[in-house]
PDB file of N, CA and C in Angstrom:
ATOM      1  N   UNK A   1       0.958  -1.132  -0.072  1.00  0.00           N
ATOM      2  CA  UNK A   1       0.111   0.080   0.012  1.00  0.00           C
ATOM      3  C   UNK A   1       0.778   1.274  -0.139  1.00  0.00           C
ATOM      4  N   UNK A   2       0.554   2.203  -0.676  1.00  0.00           N
ATOM      5  CA  UNK A   2       1.063   3.534  -0.760  1.00  0.00           C
ATOM      6  C   UNK A   2       0.610   4.528   0.229  1.00  0.00           C
ATOM      7  N   UNK A   3       1.333   5.458   0.803  1.00  0.00           N
ATOM      8  CA  UNK A   3       0.793   6.549   1.509  1.00  0.00           C
ATOM      9  C   UNK A   3       0.790   7.735   0.684  1.00  0.00           C
ATOM     10  N   UNK A   4       1.923   7.968   0.146  1.00  0.00           N
ATOM     11  CA  UNK A   4       2.000   9.265  -0.927  1.00  0.00           C
ATOM     12  C   UNK A   4       3.010   9.030  -1.761  1.00  0.00           C
ATOM     13  N   UNK A   5       3.070   9.892  -2.937  1.00  0.00           N
ATOM     14  CA  UNK A   5       4.160   9.932  -3.877  1.00  0.00           C
ATOM     15  C   UNK A   5       4.594  11.353  -4.035  1.00  0.00           C
ATOM     16  N   UNK A   6       6.004  11.547  -4.134  1.00  0.00           N
ATOM     17  CA  UNK A   6       6.567  12.800  -4.145  1.00  0.00           C
ATOM     18  C   UNK A   6       7.428  12.776  -5.404  1.00  0.00           C
ATOM     19  N   UNK A   7       7.033  13.648  -6.391  1.00  0.00           N
ATOM     20  CA  UNK A   7       7.789  13.693  -7.752  1.00  0.00           C
ATOM     21  C   UNK A   7       7.132  14.869  -8.609  1.00  0.00           C
ATOM     22  N   UNK A   8       7.388  14.804  -9.974  1.00  0.00           N
ATOM     23  CA  UNK A   8       7.158  15.805 -10.797  1.00  0.00           C
ATOM     24  C   UNK A   8       5.800  15.454 -11.508  1.00  0.00           C
ATOM     25  N   UNK A   9       4.942  16.282 -11.767  1.00  0.00           N
ATOM     26  CA  UNK A   9       3.756  16.170 -12.532  1.00  0.00           C
ATOM     27  C   UNK A   9       4.103  16.345 -13.968  1.00  0.00           C
ATOM     28  N   UNK A  10       4.049  15.267 -14.754  1.00  0.00           N
ATOM     29  CA  UNK A  10       4.440  15.293 -16.264  1.00  0.00           C
ATOM     30  C   UNK A  10       3.319  15.358 -17.122  1.00  0.00           C
ATOM     31  N   UNK A  11       2.137  14.961 -16.627  1.00  0.00           N
ATOM     32  CA  UNK A  11       1.005  15.052 -17.620  1.00  0.00           C
ATOM     33  C   UNK A  11      -0.247  15.423 -16.639  1.00  0.00           C
ATOM     34  N   UNK A  12      -1.205  16.167 -17.385  1.00  0.00           N
ATOM     35  CA  UNK A  12      -2.447  16.416 -16.713  1.00  0.00           C
ATOM     36  C   UNK A  12      -3.619  16.232 -17.726  1.00  0.00           C
ATOM     37  N   UNK A  13      -4.322  15.342 -17.523  1.00  0.00           N
ATOM     38  CA  UNK A  13      -5.460  14.886 -18.394  1.00  0.00           C
ATOM     39  C   UNK A  13      -6.822  15.216 -17.835  1.00  0.00           C
ATOM     40  N   UNK A  14      -7.935  15.119 -18.462  1.00  0.00           N
ATOM     41  CA  UNK A  14      -9.242  15.397 -17.923  1.00  0.00           C
ATOM     42  C   UNK A  14      -9.577  14.544 -16.575  1.00  0.00           C
ATOM     43  N   UNK A  15      -9.185  13.313 -16.495  1.00  0.00           N
ATOM     44  CA  UNK A  15      -9.452  12.373 -15.381  1.00  0.00           C
ATOM     45  C   UNK A  15      -8.366  12.032 -14.427  1.00  0.00           C
ATOM     46  N   UNK A  16      -7.022  12.332 -14.768  1.00  0.00           N
ATOM     47  CA  UNK A  16      -6.002  11.856 -14.094  1.00  0.00           C
ATOM     48  C   UNK A  16      -4.825  12.835 -14.420  1.00  0.00           C
ATOM     49  N   UNK A  17      -3.842  12.677 -13.537  1.00  0.00           N
ATOM     50  CA  UNK A  17      -2.452  13.119 -13.627  1.00  0.00           C
ATOM     51  C   UNK A  17      -1.421  12.092 -13.647  1.00  0.00           C
ATOM     52  N   UNK A  18      -0.184  12.335 -14.119  1.00  0.00           N
ATOM     53  CA  UNK A  18       0.936  11.410 -14.015  1.00  0.00           C
ATOM     54  C   UNK A  18       1.996  11.990 -13.294  1.00  0.00           C
ATOM     55  N   UNK A  19       2.537  11.446 -12.287  1.00  0.00           N
ATOM     56  CA  UNK A  19       3.452  11.831 -11.403  1.00  0.00           C
ATOM     57  C   UNK A  19       4.637  10.993 -11.517  1.00  0.00           C
ATOM     58  N   UNK A  20       5.856  11.564 -11.859  1.00  0.00           N
ATOM     59  CA  UNK A  20       7.055  10.733 -12.156  1.00  0.00           C
ATOM     60  C   UNK A  20       7.902  10.785 -10.922  1.00  0.00           C
ATOM     61  N   UNK A  21       8.163   9.574 -10.467  1.00  0.00           N
ATOM     62  CA  UNK A  21       9.031   9.382  -9.316  1.00  0.00           C
ATOM     63  C   UNK A  21      10.328   8.430  -9.629  1.00  0.00           C
ATOM     64  N   UNK A  22      11.311   9.000  -9.391  1.00  0.00           N
ATOM     65  CA  UNK A  22      12.519   8.286  -9.857  1.00  0.00           C
ATOM     66  C   UNK A  22      12.491   7.435 -11.326  1.00  0.00           C
ATOM     67  N   UNK A  23      11.930   8.116 -12.193  1.00  0.00           N
ATOM     68  CA  UNK A  23      11.865   7.597 -13.622  1.00  0.00           C
ATOM     69  C   UNK A  23      10.667   6.668 -13.851  1.00  0.00           C
ATOM     70  N   UNK A  24       9.871   6.557 -12.895  1.00  0.00           N
ATOM     71  CA  UNK A  24       8.569   5.694 -13.121  1.00  0.00           C
ATOM     72  C   UNK A  24       7.388   6.703 -12.996  1.00  0.00           C
ATOM     73  N   UNK A  25       6.421   6.654 -14.141  1.00  0.00           N
ATOM     74  CA  UNK A  25       5.377   7.557 -14.141  1.00  0.00           C
ATOM     75  C   UNK A  25       4.034   6.863 -13.557  1.00  0.00           C
ATOM     76  N   UNK A  26       3.540   7.369 -12.460  1.00  0.00           N
ATOM     77  CA  UNK A  26       2.352   6.773 -11.853  1.00  0.00           C
ATOM     78  C   UNK A  26       1.032   7.565 -12.297  1.00  0.00           C
ATOM     79  N   UNK A  27       0.087   6.706 -12.797  1.00  0.00           N
ATOM     80  CA  UNK A  27      -1.169   7.425 -13.062  1.00  0.00           C
ATOM     81  C   UNK A  27      -2.088   7.506 -12.038  1.00  0.00           C
ATOM     82  N   UNK A  28      -2.490   8.617 -11.594  1.00  0.00           N
ATOM     83  CA  UNK A  28      -3.296   8.782 -10.402  1.00  0.00           C
ATOM     84  C   UNK A  28      -4.741   9.476 -10.870  1.00  0.00           C
ATOM     85  N   UNK A  29      -5.671   8.751 -10.599  1.00  0.00           N
ATOM     86  CA  UNK A  29      -7.101   9.289 -10.742  1.00  0.00           C
ATOM     87  C   UNK A  29      -7.383  10.479  -9.668  1.00  0.00           C
ATOM     88  N   UNK A  30      -7.704  11.589 -10.010  1.00  0.00           N
ATOM     89  CA  UNK A  30      -7.941  12.617  -9.156  1.00  0.00           C
ATOM     90  C   UNK A  30      -9.156  13.377  -9.551  1.00  0.00           C
ATOM     91  N   UNK A  31      -9.731  13.960  -8.403  1.00  0.00           N
ATOM     92  CA  UNK A  31     -11.078  14.807  -8.677  1.00  0.00           C
ATOM     93  C   UNK A  31     -11.006  15.965  -9.379  1.00  0.00           C
ATOM     94  N   UNK A  32     -10.015  16.654  -9.193  1.00  0.00           N
ATOM     95  CA  UNK A  32      -9.739  17.962 -10.147  1.00  0.00           C
ATOM     96  C   UNK A  32      -8.402  18.002 -10.621  1.00  0.00           C
ATOM     97  N   UNK A  33      -8.102  17.335 -11.849  1.00  0.00           N
ATOM     98  CA  UNK A  33      -6.637  17.281 -12.267  1.00  0.00           C
ATOM     99  C   UNK A  33      -6.055  18.715 -12.533  1.00  0.00           C
ATOM    100  N   UNK A  34      -6.951  19.719 -12.790  1.00  0.00           N
ATOM    101  CA  UNK A  34      -6.323  20.945 -13.270  1.00  0.00           C
ATOM    102  C   UNK A  34      -5.745  21.800 -12.127  1.00  0.00           C
ATOM    103  N   UNK A  35      -6.016  21.384 -10.852  1.00  0.00           N
ATOM    104  CA  UNK A  35      -5.409  22.043  -9.687  1.00  0.00           C
ATOM    105  C   UNK A  35      -3.799  21.764  -9.743  1.00  0.00           C
ATOM    106  N   UNK A  36      -3.447  20.764 -10.508  1.00  0.00           N
ATOM    107  CA  UNK A  36      -2.059  20.390 -10.724  1.00  0.00           C
ATOM    108  C   UNK A  36      -1.474  21.122 -12.061  1.00  0.00           C
ATOM    109  N   UNK A  37      -0.274  21.264 -12.223  1.00  0.00           N
ATOM    110  CA  UNK A  37       0.221  21.736 -13.629  1.00  0.00           C
ATOM    111  C   UNK A  37       1.634  21.166 -13.793  1.00  0.00           C
ATOM    112  N   UNK A  38       1.870  21.007 -15.062  1.00  0.00           N
ATOM    113  CA  UNK A  38       3.053  20.333 -15.416  1.00  0.00           C
ATOM    114  C   UNK A  38       4.375  21.502 -15.211  1.00  0.00           C
ATOM    115  N   UNK A  39       5.222  20.892 -14.345  1.00  0.00           N
ATOM    116  CA  UNK A  39       6.302  21.699 -13.904  1.00  0.00           C
ATOM    117  C   UNK A  39       7.410  20.902 -13.675  1.00  0.00           C
ATOM    118  N   UNK A  40       8.410  20.839 -14.562  1.00  0.00           N
ATOM    119  CA  UNK A  40       9.620  19.949 -14.573  1.00  0.00           C
ATOM    120  C   UNK A  40      10.617  20.221 -13.514  1.00  0.00           C
ATOM    121  N   UNK A  41      10.395  21.348 -12.594  1.00  0.00           N
ATOM    122  CA  UNK A  41      11.332  21.719 -11.575  1.00  0.00           C
ATOM    123  C   UNK A  41      10.582  21.681 -10.177  1.00  0.00           C
ATOM    124  N   UNK A  42       9.396  21.644 -10.001  1.00  0.00           N
ATOM    125  CA  UNK A  42       8.643  21.757  -8.803  1.00  0.00           C
ATOM    126  C   UNK A  42       8.057  20.320  -8.448  1.00  0.00           C
ATOM    127  N   UNK A  43       8.623  19.816  -7.311  1.00  0.00           N
ATOM    128  CA  UNK A  43       8.071  18.538  -6.805  1.00  0.00           C
ATOM    129  C   UNK A  43       6.792  18.809  -6.064  1.00  0.00           C
ATOM    130  N   UNK A  44       5.844  17.729  -6.294  1.00  0.00           N
ATOM    131  CA  UNK A  44       4.587  17.752  -5.527  1.00  0.00           C
ATOM    132  C   UNK A  44       4.507  16.447  -4.647  1.00  0.00           C
ATOM    133  N   UNK A  45       3.650  16.566  -3.644  1.00  0.00           N
ATOM    134  CA  UNK A  45       3.277  15.268  -2.885  1.00  0.00           C
ATOM    135  C   UNK A  45       1.957  15.096  -3.041  1.00  0.00           C
ATOM    136  N   UNK A  46       1.597  13.895  -3.511  1.00  0.00           N
ATOM    137  CA  UNK A  46       0.178  13.531  -3.660  1.00  0.00           C
ATOM    138  C   UNK A  46      -0.081  12.258  -2.829  1.00  0.00           C
ATOM    139  N   UNK A  47      -1.113  12.328  -1.948  1.00  0.00           N
ATOM    140  CA  UNK A  47      -1.477  11.326  -1.113  1.00  0.00           C
ATOM    141  C   UNK A  47      -2.272  10.251  -1.875  1.00  0.00           C
ATOM    142  N   UNK A  48      -2.164   9.020  -1.695  1.00  0.00           N
ATOM    143  CA  UNK A  48      -2.558   7.981  -2.588  1.00  0.00           C
ATOM    144  C   UNK A  48      -3.400   6.944  -1.897  1.00  0.00           C
ATOM    145  N   UNK A  49      -4.439   6.485  -2.526  1.00  0.00           N
ATOM    146  CA  UNK A  49      -5.218   5.155  -2.203  1.00  0.00           C
ATOM    147  C   UNK A  49      -4.977   4.286  -3.417  1.00  0.00           C
ATOM    148  N   UNK A  50      -4.659   2.922  -3.143  1.00  0.00           N
ATOM    149  CA  UNK A  50      -4.689   1.850  -4.011  1.00  0.00           C
ATOM    150  C   UNK A  50      -5.849   1.113  -4.038  1.00  0.00           C
ATOM    151  N   UNK A  51      -6.674   1.148  -5.064  1.00  0.00           N
ATOM    152  CA  UNK A  51      -7.799   0.211  -5.103  1.00  0.00           C
ATOM    153  C   UNK A  51      -7.553  -1.123  -6.018  1.00  0.00           C
ATOM    154  N   UNK A  52      -7.767  -2.151  -5.299  1.00  0.00           N
ATOM    155  CA  UNK A  52      -7.522  -3.384  -6.046  1.00  0.00           C
ATOM    156  C   UNK A  52      -8.806  -4.249  -6.306  1.00  0.00           C
ATOM    157  N   UNK A  53      -9.066  -4.447  -7.469  1.00  0.00           N
ATOM    158  CA  UNK A  53     -10.379  -5.364  -7.758  1.00  0.00           C
ATOM    159  C   UNK A  53      -9.871  -6.511  -8.735  1.00  0.00           C
ATOM    160  N   UNK A  54     -10.789  -7.444  -8.877  1.00  0.00           N
ATOM    161  CA  UNK A  54     -10.475  -8.589  -9.707  1.00  0.00           C
ATOM    162  C   UNK A  54      -9.738  -8.131 -10.984  1.00  0.00           C
ATOM    163  N   UNK A  55     -10.277  -7.157 -11.726  1.00  0.00           N
ATOM    164  CA  UNK A  55      -9.874  -6.858 -13.089  1.00  0.00           C
ATOM    165  C   UNK A  55      -9.145  -5.566 -13.104  1.00  0.00           C
ATOM    166  N   UNK A  56      -8.733  -4.902 -12.233  1.00  0.00           N
ATOM    167  CA  UNK A  56      -8.277  -3.549 -12.153  1.00  0.00           C
ATOM    168  C   UNK A  56      -7.521  -3.225 -10.779  1.00  0.00           C
ATOM    169  N   UNK A  57      -6.359  -2.442 -11.015  1.00  0.00           N
ATOM    170  CA  UNK A  57      -5.712  -1.930  -9.923  1.00  0.00           C
ATOM    171  C   UNK A  57      -5.526  -0.374 -10.297  1.00  0.00           C
ATOM    172  N   UNK A  58      -6.009   0.437  -9.517  1.00  0.00           N
ATOM    173  CA  UNK A  58      -6.162   1.910  -9.620  1.00  0.00           C
ATOM    174  C   UNK A  58      -5.517   2.643  -8.520  1.00  0.00           C
ATOM    175  N   UNK A  59      -4.819   3.814  -8.760  1.00  0.00           N
ATOM    176  CA  UNK A  59      -4.337   4.673  -7.883  1.00  0.00           C
ATOM    177  C   UNK A  59      -5.152   6.003  -7.781  1.00  0.00           C
ATOM    178  N   UNK A  60      -5.681   6.295  -6.686  1.00  0.00           N
ATOM    179  CA  UNK A  60      -6.410   7.637  -6.485  1.00  0.00           C
ATOM    180  C   UNK A  60      -5.657   8.507  -5.853  1.00  0.00           C
ATOM    181  N   UNK A  61      -5.406   9.826  -6.300  1.00  0.00           N
ATOM    182  CA  UNK A  61      -4.561  10.946  -5.699  1.00  0.00           C
ATOM    183  C   UNK A  61      -5.395  11.920  -4.956  1.00  0.00           C
ATOM    184  N   UNK A  62      -4.755  12.509  -3.943  1.00  0.00           N
ATOM    185  CA  UNK A  62      -5.478  13.545  -3.103  1.00  0.00           C
ATOM    186  C   UNK A  62      -4.418  14.571  -2.849  1.00  0.00           C
ATOM    187  N   UNK A  63      -4.911  15.892  -2.734  1.00  0.00           N
ATOM    188  CA  UNK A  63      -4.070  16.952  -2.527  1.00  0.00           C
ATOM    189  C   UNK A  63      -3.573  16.979  -0.993  1.00  0.00           C
ATOM    190  N   UNK A  64      -4.346  16.503  -0.139  1.00  0.00           N
ATOM    191  CA  UNK A  64      -3.897  16.556   1.315  1.00  0.00           C
ATOM    192  C   UNK A  64      -4.490  15.360   1.950  1.00  0.00           C
ATOM    193  N   UNK A  65      -4.055  15.067   3.178  1.00  0.00           N
ATOM    194  CA  UNK A  65      -4.519  14.093   4.091  1.00  0.00           C
ATOM    195  C   UNK A  65      -6.045  14.180   4.356  1.00  0.00           C
ATOM    196  N   UNK A  66      -6.665  15.351   4.544  1.00  0.00           N
ATOM    197  CA  UNK A  66      -7.974  15.466   4.769  1.00  0.00           C
ATOM    198  C   UNK A  66      -8.837  15.068   3.736  1.00  0.00           C
ATOM    199  N   UNK A  67      -8.431  15.353   2.412  1.00  0.00           N
ATOM    200  CA  UNK A  67      -9.326  14.838   1.325  1.00  0.00           C
ATOM    201  C   UNK A  67      -9.202  13.263   1.350  1.00  0.00           C
ATOM    202  N   UNK A  68      -8.024  12.771   1.584  1.00  0.00           N
ATOM    203  CA  UNK A  68      -7.888  11.294   1.700  1.00  0.00           C
ATOM    204  C   UNK A  68      -8.683  10.549   2.788  1.00  0.00           C
ATOM    205  N   UNK A  69      -8.917  11.253   3.899  1.00  0.00           N
ATOM    206  CA  UNK A  69      -9.650  10.709   5.050  1.00  0.00           C
ATOM    207  C   UNK A  69     -11.060  10.780   4.674  1.00  0.00           C
ATOM    208  N   UNK A  70     -11.611  11.899   4.068  1.00  0.00           N
ATOM    209  CA  UNK A  70     -12.983  11.907   3.631  1.00  0.00           C
ATOM    210  C   UNK A  70     -13.218  10.860   2.560  1.00  0.00           C
ATOM    211  N   UNK A  71     -12.398  10.565   1.580  1.00  0.00           N
ATOM    212  CA  UNK A  71     -12.412   9.588   0.615  1.00  0.00           C
ATOM    213  C   UNK A  71     -12.617   8.129   1.273  1.00  0.00           C
ATOM    214  N   UNK A  72     -11.764   7.976   2.176  1.00  0.00           N
ATOM    215  CA  UNK A  72     -11.815   6.662   2.932  1.00  0.00           C
ATOM    216  C   UNK A  72     -13.092   6.389   3.666  1.00  0.00           C
ATOM    217  N   UNK A  73     -13.607   7.588   4.282  1.00  0.00           N
ATOM    218  CA  UNK A  73     -14.931   7.420   5.009  1.00  0.00           C
ATOM    219  C   UNK A  73     -16.016   7.076   3.889  1.00  0.00           C
ATOM    220  N   UNK A  74     -16.081   7.785   2.924  1.00  0.00           N
ATOM    221  CA  UNK A  74     -17.101   7.546   1.768  1.00  0.00           C
ATOM    222  C   UNK A  74     -17.090   6.200   1.229  1.00  0.00           C
ATOM    223  N   UNK A  75     -15.912   5.665   0.986  1.00  0.00           N
ATOM    224  CA  UNK A  75     -15.899   4.213   0.407  1.00  0.00           C
ATOM    225  C   UNK A  75     -16.438   3.272   1.523  1.00  0.00           C
ATOM    226  N   UNK A  76     -16.399   3.697   2.529  1.00  0.00           N
ATOM    227  CA  UNK A  76     -16.927   2.570   3.698  1.00  0.00           C
ATOM    228  C   UNK A  76     -18.400   2.618   3.749  1.00  0.00           C
ATOM    229  N   UNK A  77     -19.156   3.408   2.942  1.00  0.00           N
ATOM    230  CA  UNK A  77     -20.546   3.501   2.846  1.00  0.00           C
ATOM    231  C   UNK A  77     -21.009   2.584   1.804  1.00  0.00           C
ATOM    232  N   UNK A  78     -21.964   1.783   2.128  1.00  0.00           N
ATOM    233  CA  UNK A  78     -22.522   0.710   1.301  1.00  0.00           C
ATOM    234  C   UNK A  78     -22.968   1.373  -0.037  1.00  0.00           C
ATOM    235  N   UNK A  79     -22.602   0.765  -1.298  1.00  0.00           N
ATOM    236  CA  UNK A  79     -22.927   1.357  -2.460  1.00  0.00           C
ATOM    237  C   UNK A  79     -22.082   2.422  -3.136  1.00  0.00           C
ATOM    238  N   UNK A  80     -21.245   2.906  -2.278  1.00  0.00           N
ATOM    239  CA  UNK A  80     -20.226   3.892  -2.836  1.00  0.00           C
ATOM    240  C   UNK A  80     -18.905   3.220  -3.135  1.00  0.00           C
ATOM    241  N   UNK A  81     -18.486   3.162  -4.344  1.00  0.00           N
ATOM    242  CA  UNK A  81     -17.125   2.753  -4.733  1.00  0.00           C
ATOM    243  C   UNK A  81     -16.126   3.906  -4.929  1.00  0.00           C
ATOM    244  N   UNK A  82     -14.818   3.716  -5.122  1.00  0.00           N
ATOM    245  CA  UNK A  82     -13.804   4.539  -5.265  1.00  0.00           C
ATOM    246  C   UNK A  82     -14.144   5.862  -6.219  1.00  0.00           C
ATOM    247  N   UNK A  83     -14.643   5.390  -7.362  1.00  0.00           N
ATOM    248  CA  UNK A  83     -14.954   6.355  -8.433  1.00  0.00           C
ATOM    249  C   UNK A  83     -15.936   7.339  -8.053  1.00  0.00           C
ATOM    250  N   UNK A  84     -17.056   6.705  -7.400  1.00  0.00           N
ATOM    251  CA  UNK A  84     -18.240   7.487  -6.881  1.00  0.00           C
ATOM    252  C   UNK A  84     -17.853   8.537  -5.807  1.00  0.00           C
ATOM    253  N   UNK A  85     -16.934   7.975  -4.920  1.00  0.00           N
ATOM    254  CA  UNK A  85     -16.394   8.673  -3.748  1.00  0.00           C
ATOM    255  C   UNK A  85     -15.510   9.858  -4.348  1.00  0.00           C
ATOM    256  N   UNK A  86     -14.852   9.625  -5.350  1.00  0.00           N
ATOM    257  CA  UNK A  86     -13.891  10.647  -5.890  1.00  0.00           C
ATOM    258  C   UNK A  86     -14.787  11.796  -6.544  1.00  0.00           C
ATOM    259  N   UNK A  87     -15.873  11.372  -7.142  1.00  0.00           N
ATOM    260  CA  UNK A  87     -16.716  12.368  -7.617  1.00  0.00           C
ATOM    261  C   UNK A  87     -17.465  13.194  -6.695  1.00  0.00           C
ATOM    262  N   UNK A  88     -17.776  12.709  -5.494  1.00  0.00           N
ATOM    263  CA  UNK A  88     -18.303  13.425  -4.362  1.00  0.00           C
ATOM    264  C   UNK A  88     -17.283  14.547  -3.874  1.00  0.00           C
TER     265      UNK A  88
END
């Protein structure tokens, strides 16, 4: 399980960002990808939740620990999965 990633944002797409850490690009699904910007010199820390299902492994990214805590509370509610919690 990952707690956070610190690296450079190398890509911003409508549903996700890519954070490069030591030469590896991690795709992180985020609620608002446009709060991040591509900057080859400024490192960012993104808090991470790893969701593992039978057919998928996804990383969800959060700007701070409070956002991550709220997300974790939401996914504990019956009927709310990680993608729905991220949209909330």
